[in-house]
Amino acid sequence: MLKKVSNSGFFKLNKLWTQRHEKLSKEIFKSHKESFEWLADSSKQLTVGSLAGLFLLTQPIVAKIPVTFSQSMHQANNTVDKKTFLVFELKSILPDHVQSLTPQQEQSVSTVLTRDFGITVAPELNGKRLNTTYGYIGQEQHLALYPGDNMFIHFQTSDEATRYFKYGMAPGLGGWGYFAPSKDELTQQDINREKYYIAVQTFLAPGFENNPKEYIDFFNYKKMLVVNPQNGKAVVADIADAGPAPWTGKQLGGSPEVMHYLERVDGVQKGGVLYFFIDDPNDTIPLGPINSL
């Protein structure tokens, strides 16, 4: 029989149980990784409900604990749980290797991402699409914000400079030129557009060769949801450059800030990501990291 726990003790227990929950979660997925992969690979219809049942094995016992305390525990563990479920649900949809998705797979991914992040995403927007929605992303450099911008004056804070200075600045401009005509005219929107930019193969988009100007205008700072399917991290990014070249083996590139948040910087400087258009005609969805609901 559980002893009555004082309100002052709830926070201590909450912290201890949260730490235990995270530790057990990591251990069970590490110890049984092959089993989870078998489940996902054997049944492409693996559901969140079944995952939730498995995940409950790692949940701390909360029977007879006051409802308010139980709710606070749920909120504390919410982010970890959602990312875990997103990762395994995406794994049940995606192919074993990074490659173009089938229309059915794209639709399934769109449904999952729209639901989990609360924004409308799609592989196609206004009748236009890229050559793929699942590809390898590589490390890009910073882009000049305005004439005269350089690495010594590029960053807003010393912390940003310390973390991202090493990636350098691209010798050329972004696909749409400078983000602002001068330093005095630079806005926070301009700064965010460079900070969270991606380069995509606009020139390989179906129909591009028939009307380049129309497609270039369409892709200009268009927002996309970029998701690392291996950890559930996502960024709302904008298209600010074209590339990389097909011979690189990569389908898109990410700014140093995008790559750092997605944890996509590895030994070969590339990793697989999903990238889908965001339907945001009124420009209400901010650029930057985004969490699931």
Protein backbone atom coordinates (compact mmCIF):
# COMPACT_ATOMS: atom_id res chain seq x y z
CA MET A 1 0.00 0.00 0.00
CA LEU A 2 1.38 3.40 -1.01
CA LYS A 3 2.02 5.91 1.73
CA LYS A 4 0.48 9.35 1.49
CA VAL A 5 2.94 11.74 -0.13
CA SER A 6 3.01 15.41 0.91
CA ASN A 7 2.70 18.15 -1.73
CA SER A 8 6.26 19.26 -1.06
CA GLY A 9 7.44 15.75 -1.82
CA PHE A 10 5.64 15.54 -5.15
CA PHE A 11 8.22 17.67 -6.96
CA LYS A 12 11.12 15.56 -5.67
CA LEU A 13 9.35 12.36 -6.69
CA ASN A 14 8.41 13.88 -10.03
CA LYS A 15 12.05 14.65 -10.77
CA LEU A 16 13.23 11.21 -9.66
CA TRP A 17 10.53 9.37 -11.60
CA THR A 18 11.11 11.49 -14.70
CA GLN A 19 14.82 10.67 -14.62
CA ARG A 20 14.04 6.98 -14.06
CA HIS A 21 11.53 7.03 -16.91
CA GLU A 22 14.00 8.55 -19.36
CA LYS A 23 16.74 6.15 -18.29
CA LEU A 24 14.49 3.11 -18.66
CA SER A 25 13.18 4.38 -22.00
CA LYS A 26 16.70 4.65 -23.39
CA GLU A 27 17.69 1.28 -21.96
CA ILE A 28 14.70 -0.61 -23.30
CA PHE A 29 15.02 0.84 -26.81
CA LYS A 30 18.78 0.23 -26.77
CA SER A 31 18.46 -3.32 -25.47
CA HIS A 32 15.57 -4.22 -27.75
CA LYS A 33 16.47 -2.13 -30.80
CA GLU A 34 16.47 -5.14 -33.10
CA SER A 35 13.05 -6.21 -31.86
CA PHE A 36 11.54 -2.79 -32.50
CA GLU A 37 13.11 -2.67 -35.93
CA TRP A 38 11.73 -6.12 -36.67
CA LEU A 39 8.27 -4.98 -35.66
CA ALA A 40 8.47 -1.89 -37.84
CA ASP A 41 9.97 -3.71 -40.81
CA SER A 42 7.61 -6.69 -40.58
CA SER A 43 4.46 -4.62 -40.36
CA LYS A 44 4.23 -1.30 -42.15
CA GLN A 45 0.97 -0.80 -40.30
CA LEU A 46 2.56 -0.40 -36.89
CA THR A 47 0.39 2.06 -34.95
CA VAL A 48 0.97 4.56 -32.21
CA GLY A 49 -1.49 2.62 -30.10
CA SER A 50 0.65 -0.50 -30.15
CA LEU A 51 3.77 1.54 -29.49
CA ALA A 52 2.07 3.20 -26.58
CA GLY A 53 1.36 -0.21 -25.10
CA LEU A 54 5.02 -1.17 -25.36
CA PHE A 55 6.15 2.18 -24.02
CA LEU A 56 3.95 1.88 -20.96
CA LEU A 57 6.33 -0.84 -19.76
CA THR A 58 8.79 1.95 -18.93
CA GLN A 59 6.29 4.25 -17.20
CA PRO A 60 6.58 4.76 -13.43
CA ILE A 61 3.72 3.44 -11.30
CA VAL A 62 1.26 6.25 -10.65
CA ALA A 63 -1.67 4.37 -9.15
CA LYS A 64 -3.33 6.20 -6.25
CA ILE A 65 -1.20 9.31 -6.86
CA PRO A 66 -3.27 12.54 -6.86
CA VAL A 67 -4.59 13.52 -10.31
CA THR A 68 -2.83 16.90 -10.35
CA PHE A 69 0.51 15.25 -9.67
CA SER A 70 -0.09 12.59 -12.29
CA GLN A 71 -0.86 15.34 -14.83
CA SER A 72 2.35 17.19 -14.01
CA MET A 73 4.31 13.97 -14.51
CA HIS A 74 2.63 13.48 -17.88
CA GLN A 75 3.56 17.02 -18.95
CA ALA A 76 7.16 16.51 -17.87
CA ASN A 77 7.52 13.34 -19.97
CA ASN A 78 5.34 14.54 -22.86
CA THR A 79 8.10 15.75 -25.17
CA VAL A 80 10.15 12.58 -24.82
CA ASP A 81 7.13 10.36 -25.49
CA LYS A 82 5.96 12.29 -28.57
CA LYS A 83 9.32 12.24 -30.27
CA THR A 84 9.68 8.54 -29.53
CA PHE A 85 6.29 7.76 -31.05
CA LEU A 86 6.98 10.00 -34.07
CA VAL A 87 10.29 8.26 -34.78
CA PHE A 88 8.80 4.76 -34.74
CA GLU A 89 5.68 5.76 -36.66
CA LEU A 90 7.80 7.30 -39.41
CA LYS A 91 9.99 4.19 -39.44
CA SER A 92 6.92 2.09 -40.14
CA ILE A 93 6.24 4.22 -43.24
CA LEU A 94 9.66 5.00 -44.69
CA PRO A 95 11.73 2.64 -46.84
CA ASP A 96 14.85 0.98 -45.45
CA HIS A 97 17.13 3.35 -47.33
CA VAL A 98 16.93 7.05 -48.19
CA GLN A 99 15.17 7.24 -51.55
CA SER A 100 12.19 8.85 -53.27
CA LEU A 101 8.90 8.01 -51.58
CA THR A 102 5.86 6.55 -53.29
CA PRO A 103 2.71 8.71 -53.46
CA GLN A 104 1.18 6.54 -50.73
CA GLN A 105 4.20 6.97 -48.48
CA GLU A 106 4.20 10.74 -49.06
CA GLN A 107 0.54 10.91 -48.15
CA SER A 108 1.08 8.90 -44.97
CA VAL A 109 4.03 11.08 -43.94
CA SER A 110 2.04 14.26 -44.68
CA THR A 111 -0.79 13.03 -42.48
CA VAL A 112 1.55 12.20 -39.59
CA LEU A 113 3.49 15.47 -39.75
CA THR A 114 0.36 17.62 -40.15
CA ARG A 115 -1.20 15.93 -37.14
CA ASP A 116 1.87 15.95 -34.91
CA PHE A 117 3.05 19.51 -35.60
CA GLY A 118 -0.32 21.20 -36.12
CA ILE A 119 0.60 22.77 -39.46
CA THR A 120 -0.50 21.76 -42.94
CA VAL A 121 2.33 20.11 -44.85
CA ALA A 122 2.31 18.47 -48.26
CA PRO A 123 4.72 17.13 -50.89
CA GLU A 124 3.17 19.47 -53.45
CA LEU A 125 1.94 23.06 -53.26
CA ASN A 126 0.10 25.00 -55.96
CA GLY A 127 0.79 22.22 -58.42
CA LYS A 128 4.55 22.36 -57.87
CA ARG A 129 6.90 19.98 -56.11
CA LEU A 130 10.58 19.13 -55.77
CA ASN A 131 12.26 16.08 -57.26
CA THR A 132 12.01 14.25 -53.91
CA THR A 133 10.70 14.66 -50.36
CA TYR A 134 13.18 12.34 -48.64
CA GLY A 135 16.87 12.85 -49.24
CA TYR A 136 20.36 13.35 -47.89
CA ILE A 137 21.07 16.78 -46.41
CA GLY A 138 24.58 18.19 -46.35
CA GLN A 139 26.32 20.96 -44.44
CA GLU A 140 26.09 24.44 -45.99
CA GLN A 141 27.93 27.64 -45.09
CA HIS A 142 26.50 30.94 -43.91
CA LEU A 143 25.17 33.33 -46.54
CA ALA A 144 25.88 37.07 -46.70
CA LEU A 145 22.95 39.01 -45.28
CA TYR A 146 23.77 42.33 -46.97
CA PRO A 147 26.63 43.98 -48.89
CA GLY A 148 29.69 44.06 -46.63
CA ASP A 149 28.54 41.28 -44.30
CA ASN A 150 31.34 39.01 -43.10
CA MET A 151 31.97 36.38 -40.46
CA PHE A 152 33.18 38.90 -37.87
CA ILE A 153 29.93 40.90 -37.86
CA HIS A 154 27.47 38.24 -39.04
CA PHE A 155 26.19 36.96 -35.68
CA GLN A 156 23.74 38.51 -33.22
CA THR A 157 25.33 37.06 -30.08
CA SER A 158 28.76 35.92 -28.97
CA ASP A 159 27.34 32.45 -28.25
CA GLU A 160 26.23 32.11 -31.88
CA ALA A 161 29.64 33.27 -33.09
CA THR A 162 31.42 30.75 -30.86
CA ARG A 163 29.25 27.89 -32.09
CA TYR A 164 28.89 28.66 -35.80
CA PHE A 165 31.88 30.80 -36.86
CA LYS A 166 33.86 27.73 -37.93
CA TYR A 167 31.50 26.97 -40.83
CA GLY A 168 32.53 30.10 -42.72
CA MET A 169 30.66 32.12 -45.32
CA ALA A 170 29.84 30.97 -48.85
CA PRO A 171 31.87 32.76 -51.53
CA GLY A 172 28.72 33.49 -53.51
CA LEU A 173 25.29 34.85 -52.64
CA GLY A 174 22.15 32.89 -51.90
CA GLY A 175 19.75 31.99 -54.68
CA TRP A 176 17.83 35.25 -54.27
CA GLY A 177 20.80 37.52 -53.68
CA TYR A 178 21.31 39.48 -50.46
CA PHE A 179 18.64 39.14 -47.78
CA ALA A 180 18.64 42.92 -47.27
CA PRO A 181 19.98 45.80 -49.41
CA SER A 182 22.01 47.20 -46.46
CA LYS A 183 22.78 46.63 -42.80
CA ASP A 184 20.49 49.51 -41.81
CA GLU A 185 17.59 47.89 -43.65
CA LEU A 186 18.19 44.43 -42.19
CA THR A 187 15.14 43.01 -40.36
CA GLN A 188 14.73 40.10 -37.97
CA GLN A 189 12.87 38.27 -40.72
CA ASP A 190 15.94 38.62 -42.96
CA ILE A 191 18.18 37.29 -40.18
CA ASN A 192 15.90 34.30 -39.57
CA ARG A 193 15.68 33.53 -43.26
CA GLU A 194 19.44 33.13 -43.43
CA LYS A 195 19.74 31.39 -40.08
CA TYR A 196 17.19 28.70 -40.94
CA TYR A 197 17.71 28.32 -44.68
CA ILE A 198 17.93 25.24 -46.85
CA ALA A 199 19.25 24.79 -50.36
CA VAL A 200 17.14 22.50 -52.54
CA GLN A 201 17.43 21.22 -56.10
CA THR A 202 14.92 23.65 -57.60
CA PHE A 203 16.44 23.01 -61.06
CA LEU A 204 15.38 19.35 -60.88
CA ALA A 205 11.74 20.11 -59.99
CA PRO A 206 9.30 18.53 -62.46
CA GLY A 207 8.29 21.22 -64.96
CA PHE A 208 11.11 23.64 -64.07
CA GLU A 209 12.70 23.54 -67.51
CA ASN A 210 9.42 24.58 -69.15
CA ASN A 211 9.00 27.78 -67.12
CA PRO A 212 12.09 28.60 -65.02
CA LYS A 213 10.97 32.09 -63.96
CA GLU A 214 7.62 30.85 -62.64
CA TYR A 215 9.32 28.16 -60.60
CA ILE A 216 12.05 30.46 -59.31
CA ASP A 217 9.42 32.93 -58.11
CA PHE A 218 7.52 30.09 -56.46
CA PHE A 219 10.51 28.71 -54.55
CA ASN A 220 11.65 32.15 -53.34
CA TYR A 221 11.84 31.77 -49.50
CA LYS A 222 9.12 29.12 -49.58
CA LYS A 223 8.75 27.46 -46.17
CA MET A 224 9.34 23.76 -45.65
CA LEU A 225 9.16 21.46 -42.64
CA VAL A 226 12.46 19.58 -42.37
CA VAL A 227 12.39 16.52 -40.09
CA ASN A 228 15.10 14.18 -38.91
CA PRO A 229 13.19 10.86 -38.82
CA GLN A 230 15.77 9.27 -36.53
CA ASN A 231 15.26 11.64 -33.59
CA GLY A 232 11.95 13.43 -34.31
CA LYS A 233 13.52 16.89 -34.37
CA ALA A 234 12.03 19.35 -36.86
CA VAL A 235 12.73 22.83 -38.19
CA VAL A 236 10.59 25.26 -40.16
CA ALA A 237 13.07 26.39 -42.83
CA ASP A 238 12.92 28.51 -45.94
CA ILE A 239 14.37 27.92 -49.39
CA ALA A 240 17.15 30.49 -49.83
CA ASP A 241 19.48 28.77 -52.26
CA ALA A 242 19.61 26.19 -55.05
CA GLY A 243 21.70 23.04 -54.86
CA PRO A 244 23.53 20.87 -54.23
CA ALA A 245 24.76 19.42 -57.51
CA PRO A 246 23.49 15.88 -58.20
CA TRP A 247 27.03 14.45 -58.30
CA THR A 248 27.44 15.18 -54.56
CA GLY A 249 24.99 12.43 -53.69
CA LYS A 250 22.95 14.90 -51.64
CA GLN A 251 19.48 16.25 -52.38
CA LEU A 252 19.53 19.37 -50.18
CA GLY A 253 21.71 21.38 -47.84
CA GLY A 254 21.09 23.03 -44.49
CA SER A 255 22.48 26.09 -42.76
CA PRO A 256 24.82 25.46 -39.81
CA GLU A 257 21.95 26.27 -37.44
CA VAL A 258 19.55 23.87 -39.18
CA MET A 259 22.10 21.07 -39.22
CA HIS A 260 23.04 21.60 -35.57
CA TYR A 261 19.44 21.48 -34.34
CA LEU A 262 18.53 18.43 -36.41
CA GLU A 263 21.72 16.70 -35.21
CA ARG A 264 22.48 15.92 -38.82
CA VAL A 265 26.21 16.73 -38.74
CA ASP A 266 28.15 13.49 -38.95
CA GLY A 267 31.36 12.11 -40.35
CA VAL A 268 30.30 12.41 -43.97
CA GLN A 269 28.45 15.68 -43.37
CA LYS A 270 25.14 14.37 -44.61
CA GLY A 271 22.14 12.44 -43.34
CA GLY A 272 18.58 11.64 -44.40
CA VAL A 273 15.71 14.07 -43.74
CA LEU A 274 12.11 14.54 -44.77
CA TYR A 275 11.21 17.92 -46.28
CA PHE A 276 7.64 18.90 -47.09
CA PHE A 277 6.06 22.20 -48.14
CA ILE A 278 4.23 24.20 -45.49
CA ASP A 279 0.95 25.79 -46.56
CA ASP A 280 1.28 29.21 -44.90
CA PRO A 281 -0.20 31.84 -47.26
CA ASN A 282 -0.47 34.48 -44.51
CA ASP A 283 3.10 33.95 -43.25
CA THR A 284 2.04 33.19 -39.67
CA ILE A 285 4.31 30.21 -38.96
CA PRO A 286 7.71 31.35 -37.61
CA LEU A 287 11.00 29.97 -38.87
CA GLY A 288 13.10 27.86 -36.54
CA PRO A 289 12.79 24.72 -34.42
CA ILE A 290 9.27 23.41 -33.90
CA ASN A 291 7.96 20.84 -31.40
CA SER A 292 5.11 18.40 -31.89
CA LEU A 293 1.80 19.23 -30.22
